[in-house]
Amino acid sequence: MTNKLIIALFLLIPFFSNAQFGDLLSKVLMQHVTNLTRPISIMPFL
């Protein structure tokens, strides 16, 4: 489920009209991808 969520968010990045928000989201996602042992805390950004 976690991997599917990350993949879905990666696919949604190009659709964000705000480039800065998309860049921030991608950076946050990369942090979680490199630290999969940490709990996902992306929801507050959505």
PDB file of N, CA and C in Angstrom:
ATOM      1  N   MET A   1       0.842  -1.206   0.000  1.00  0.00           N
ATOM      2  CA  MET A   1       0.000   0.000   0.000  1.00  0.00           C
ATOM      3  C   MET A   1       0.874   1.251   0.000  1.00  0.00           C
ATOM      4  N   THR A   2       1.919   1.235   0.815  1.00  0.00           N
ATOM      5  CA  THR A   2       2.801   2.395   0.902  1.00  0.00           C
ATOM      6  C   THR A   2       3.471   2.663  -0.439  1.00  0.00           C
ATOM      7  N   ASN A   3       3.974   1.594  -1.065  1.00  0.00           N
ATOM      8  CA  ASN A   3       4.642   1.761  -2.354  1.00  0.00           C
ATOM      9  C   ASN A   3       3.675   2.283  -3.405  1.00  0.00           C
ATOM     10  N   LYS A   4       2.436   1.791  -3.384  1.00  0.00           N
ATOM     11  CA  LYS A   4       1.441   2.256  -4.349  1.00  0.00           C
ATOM     12  C   LYS A   4       1.151   3.737  -4.132  1.00  0.00           C
ATOM     13  N   LEU A   5       1.100   4.161  -2.864  1.00  0.00           N
ATOM     14  CA  LEU A   5       0.840   5.568  -2.552  1.00  0.00           C
ATOM     15  C   LEU A   5       1.965   6.439  -3.095  1.00  0.00           C
ATOM     16  N   ILE A   6       3.202   6.010  -2.883  1.00  0.00           N
ATOM     17  CA  ILE A   6       4.355   6.781  -3.364  1.00  0.00           C
ATOM     18  C   ILE A   6       4.339   6.875  -4.882  1.00  0.00           C
ATOM     19  N   ILE A   7       4.070   5.746  -5.546  1.00  0.00           N
ATOM     20  CA  ILE A   7       4.032   5.738  -7.011  1.00  0.00           C
ATOM     21  C   ILE A   7       2.932   6.660  -7.516  1.00  0.00           C
ATOM     22  N   ALA A   8       1.762   6.601  -6.885  1.00  0.00           N
ATOM     23  CA  ALA A   8       0.643   7.446  -7.306  1.00  0.00           C
ATOM     24  C   ALA A   8       1.005   8.920  -7.171  1.00  0.00           C
ATOM     25  N   LEU A   9       1.657   9.279  -6.067  1.00  0.00           N
ATOM     26  CA  LEU A   9       2.036  10.675  -5.863  1.00  0.00           C
ATOM     27  C   LEU A   9       3.084  11.111  -6.879  1.00  0.00           C
ATOM     28  N   PHE A  10       4.018  10.217  -7.205  1.00  0.00           N
ATOM     29  CA  PHE A  10       5.021  10.540  -8.225  1.00  0.00           C
ATOM     30  C   PHE A  10       4.343  10.807  -9.563  1.00  0.00           C
ATOM     31  N   LEU A  11       3.320  10.004  -9.889  1.00  0.00           N
ATOM     32  CA  LEU A  11       2.619  10.174 -11.159  1.00  0.00           C
ATOM     33  C   LEU A  11       1.809  11.468 -11.170  1.00  0.00           C
ATOM     34  N   LEU A  12       1.397  11.927  -9.990  1.00  0.00           N
ATOM     35  CA  LEU A  12       0.576  13.139  -9.913  1.00  0.00           C
ATOM     36  C   LEU A  12       1.412  14.413  -9.970  1.00  0.00           C
ATOM     37  N   ILE A  13       2.708  14.318  -9.678  1.00  0.00           N
ATOM     38  CA  ILE A  13       3.559  15.514  -9.634  1.00  0.00           C
ATOM     39  C   ILE A  13       3.454  16.367 -10.900  1.00  0.00           C
ATOM     40  N   PRO A  14       3.533  15.779 -12.115  1.00  0.00           N
ATOM     41  CA  PRO A  14       3.479  16.614 -13.325  1.00  0.00           C
ATOM     42  C   PRO A  14       2.159  17.355 -13.497  1.00  0.00           C
ATOM     43  N   PHE A  15       1.115  16.915 -12.802  1.00  0.00           N
ATOM     44  CA  PHE A  15      -0.195  17.540 -12.983  1.00  0.00           C
ATOM     45  C   PHE A  15      -0.394  18.752 -12.079  1.00  0.00           C
ATOM     46  N   PHE A  16       0.517  18.958 -11.120  1.00  0.00           N
ATOM     47  CA  PHE A  16       0.377  20.124 -10.249  1.00  0.00           C
ATOM     48  C   PHE A  16       0.691  21.400 -11.028  1.00  0.00           C
ATOM     49  N   SER A  17      -0.200  22.377 -10.946  1.00  0.00           N
ATOM     50  CA  SER A  17       0.020  23.630 -11.671  1.00  0.00           C
ATOM     51  C   SER A  17       1.090  24.467 -10.973  1.00  0.00           C
ATOM     52  N   ASN A  18       1.227  24.284  -9.660  1.00  0.00           N
ATOM     53  CA  ASN A  18       2.224  25.041  -8.906  1.00  0.00           C
ATOM     54  C   ASN A  18       3.545  24.282  -8.936  1.00  0.00           C
ATOM     55  N   ALA A  19       4.506  24.780  -9.711  1.00  0.00           N
ATOM     56  CA  ALA A  19       5.788  24.089  -9.876  1.00  0.00           C
ATOM     57  C   ALA A  19       6.538  23.988  -8.545  1.00  0.00           C
ATOM     58  N   GLN A  20       6.463  25.023  -7.722  1.00  0.00           N
ATOM     59  CA  GLN A  20       7.175  24.995  -6.446  1.00  0.00           C
ATOM     60  C   GLN A  20       6.612  23.907  -5.543  1.00  0.00           C
ATOM     61  N   PHE A  21       5.278  23.776  -5.522  1.00  0.00           N
ATOM     62  CA  PHE A  21       4.659  22.744  -4.696  1.00  0.00           C
ATOM     63  C   PHE A  21       5.060  21.361  -5.190  1.00  0.00           C
ATOM     64  N   GLY A  22       5.075  21.188  -6.512  1.00  0.00           N
ATOM     65  CA  GLY A  22       5.474  19.906  -7.090  1.00  0.00           C
ATOM     66  C   GLY A  22       6.914  19.574  -6.733  1.00  0.00           C
ATOM     67  N   ASP A  23       7.780  20.583  -6.767  1.00  0.00           N
ATOM     68  CA  ASP A  23       9.188  20.371  -6.424  1.00  0.00           C
ATOM     69  C   ASP A  23       9.323  19.995  -4.950  1.00  0.00           C
ATOM     70  N   LEU A  24       8.565  20.686  -4.091  1.00  0.00           N
ATOM     71  CA  LEU A  24       8.596  20.383  -2.661  1.00  0.00           C
ATOM     72  C   LEU A  24       8.108  18.963  -2.417  1.00  0.00           C
ATOM     73  N   LEU A  25       7.009  18.594  -3.079  1.00  0.00           N
ATOM     74  CA  LEU A  25       6.456  17.255  -2.897  1.00  0.00           C
ATOM     75  C   LEU A  25       7.444  16.195  -3.358  1.00  0.00           C
ATOM     76  N   SER A  26       8.112  16.447  -4.480  1.00  0.00           N
ATOM     77  CA  SER A  26       9.081  15.471  -4.992  1.00  0.00           C
ATOM     78  C   SER A  26      10.247  15.307  -4.014  1.00  0.00           C
ATOM     79  N   LYS A  27      10.686  16.415  -3.397  1.00  0.00           N
ATOM     80  CA  LYS A  27      11.775  16.331  -2.423  1.00  0.00           C
ATOM     81  C   LYS A  27      11.338  15.531  -1.200  1.00  0.00           C
ATOM     82  N   VAL A  28      10.112  15.786  -0.743  1.00  0.00           N
ATOM     83  CA  VAL A  28       9.586  15.050   0.409  1.00  0.00           C
ATOM     84  C   VAL A  28       9.486  13.565   0.078  1.00  0.00           C
ATOM     85  N   LEU A  29       9.010  13.257  -1.134  1.00  0.00           N
ATOM     86  CA  LEU A  29       8.886  11.855  -1.540  1.00  0.00           C
ATOM     87  C   LEU A  29      10.251  11.184  -1.607  1.00  0.00           C
ATOM     88  N   MET A  30      11.248  11.897  -2.122  1.00  0.00           N
ATOM     89  CA  MET A  30      12.581  11.311  -2.222  1.00  0.00           C
ATOM     90  C   MET A  30      13.141  11.006  -0.833  1.00  0.00           C
ATOM     91  N   GLN A  31      12.833  11.853   0.148  1.00  0.00           N
ATOM     92  CA  GLN A  31      13.272  11.585   1.517  1.00  0.00           C
ATOM     93  C   GLN A  31      12.679  10.272   2.011  1.00  0.00           C
ATOM     94  N   HIS A  32      11.389  10.062   1.728  1.00  0.00           N
ATOM     95  CA  HIS A  32      10.727   8.849   2.190  1.00  0.00           C
ATOM     96  C   HIS A  32      11.207   7.626   1.414  1.00  0.00           C
ATOM     97  N   VAL A  33      11.510   7.813   0.134  1.00  0.00           N
ATOM     98  CA  VAL A  33      12.000   6.688  -0.666  1.00  0.00           C
ATOM     99  C   VAL A  33      13.355   6.221  -0.143  1.00  0.00           C
ATOM    100  N   THR A  34      14.187   7.168   0.293  1.00  0.00           N
ATOM    101  CA  THR A  34      15.513   6.802   0.796  1.00  0.00           C
ATOM    102  C   THR A  34      15.453   6.375   2.257  1.00  0.00           C
ATOM    103  N   ASN A  35      14.333   6.606   2.915  1.00  0.00           N
ATOM    104  CA  ASN A  35      14.163   6.209   4.324  1.00  0.00           C
ATOM    105  C   ASN A  35      12.824   5.493   4.487  1.00  0.00           C
ATOM    106  N   LEU A  36      12.705   4.332   3.846  1.00  0.00           N
ATOM    107  CA  LEU A  36      11.421   3.625   3.851  1.00  0.00           C
ATOM    108  C   LEU A  36      11.043   3.115   5.232  1.00  0.00           C
ATOM    109  N   THR A  37      12.000   3.083   6.154  1.00  0.00           N
ATOM    110  CA  THR A  37      11.686   2.574   7.484  1.00  0.00           C
ATOM    111  C   THR A  37      10.914   3.606   8.297  1.00  0.00           C
ATOM    112  N   ARG A  38      10.985   4.856   7.887  1.00  0.00           N
ATOM    113  CA  ARG A  38      10.248   5.906   8.603  1.00  0.00           C
ATOM    114  C   ARG A  38       8.778   5.871   8.200  1.00  0.00           C
ATOM    115  N   PRO A  39       7.869   6.234   9.112  1.00  0.00           N
ATOM    116  CA  PRO A  39       6.443   6.274   8.771  1.00  0.00           C
ATOM    117  C   PRO A  39       6.160   7.376   7.753  1.00  0.00           C
ATOM    118  N   ILE A  40       5.227   7.112   6.876  1.00  0.00           N
ATOM    119  CA  ILE A  40       4.872   8.091   5.846  1.00  0.00           C
ATOM    120  C   ILE A  40       4.152   9.271   6.492  1.00  0.00           C
ATOM    121  N   SER A  41       4.679  10.469   6.260  1.00  0.00           N
ATOM    122  CA  SER A  41       4.058  11.675   6.829  1.00  0.00           C
ATOM    123  C   SER A  41       3.814  12.688   5.721  1.00  0.00           C
ATOM    124  N   ILE A  42       3.375  12.188   4.563  1.00  0.00           N
ATOM    125  CA  ILE A  42       3.151  13.066   3.414  1.00  0.00           C
ATOM    126  C   ILE A  42       1.775  13.720   3.476  1.00  0.00           C
ATOM    127  N   MET A  43       0.828  13.069   4.136  1.00  0.00           N
ATOM    128  CA  MET A  43      -0.557  13.535   4.113  1.00  0.00           C
ATOM    129  C   MET A  43      -0.751  15.019   4.436  1.00  0.00           C
ATOM    130  N   PRO A  44      -0.042  15.595   5.412  1.00  0.00           N
ATOM    131  CA  PRO A  44      -0.254  17.027   5.694  1.00  0.00           C
ATOM    132  C   PRO A  44       0.027  17.932   4.498  1.00  0.00           C
ATOM    133  N   PHE A  45       0.808  17.444   3.525  1.00  0.00           N
ATOM    134  CA  PHE A  45       1.136  18.265   2.363  1.00  0.00           C
ATOM    135  C   PHE A  45       0.034  18.239   1.318  1.00  0.00           C
ATOM    136  N   LEU A  46      -0.876  17.264   1.410  1.00  0.00           N
ATOM    137  CA  LEU A  46      -1.878  17.123   0.351  1.00  0.00           C
ATOM    138  C   LEU A  46      -3.033  18.087   0.546  1.00  0.00           C
TER     139      LEU A  46
END
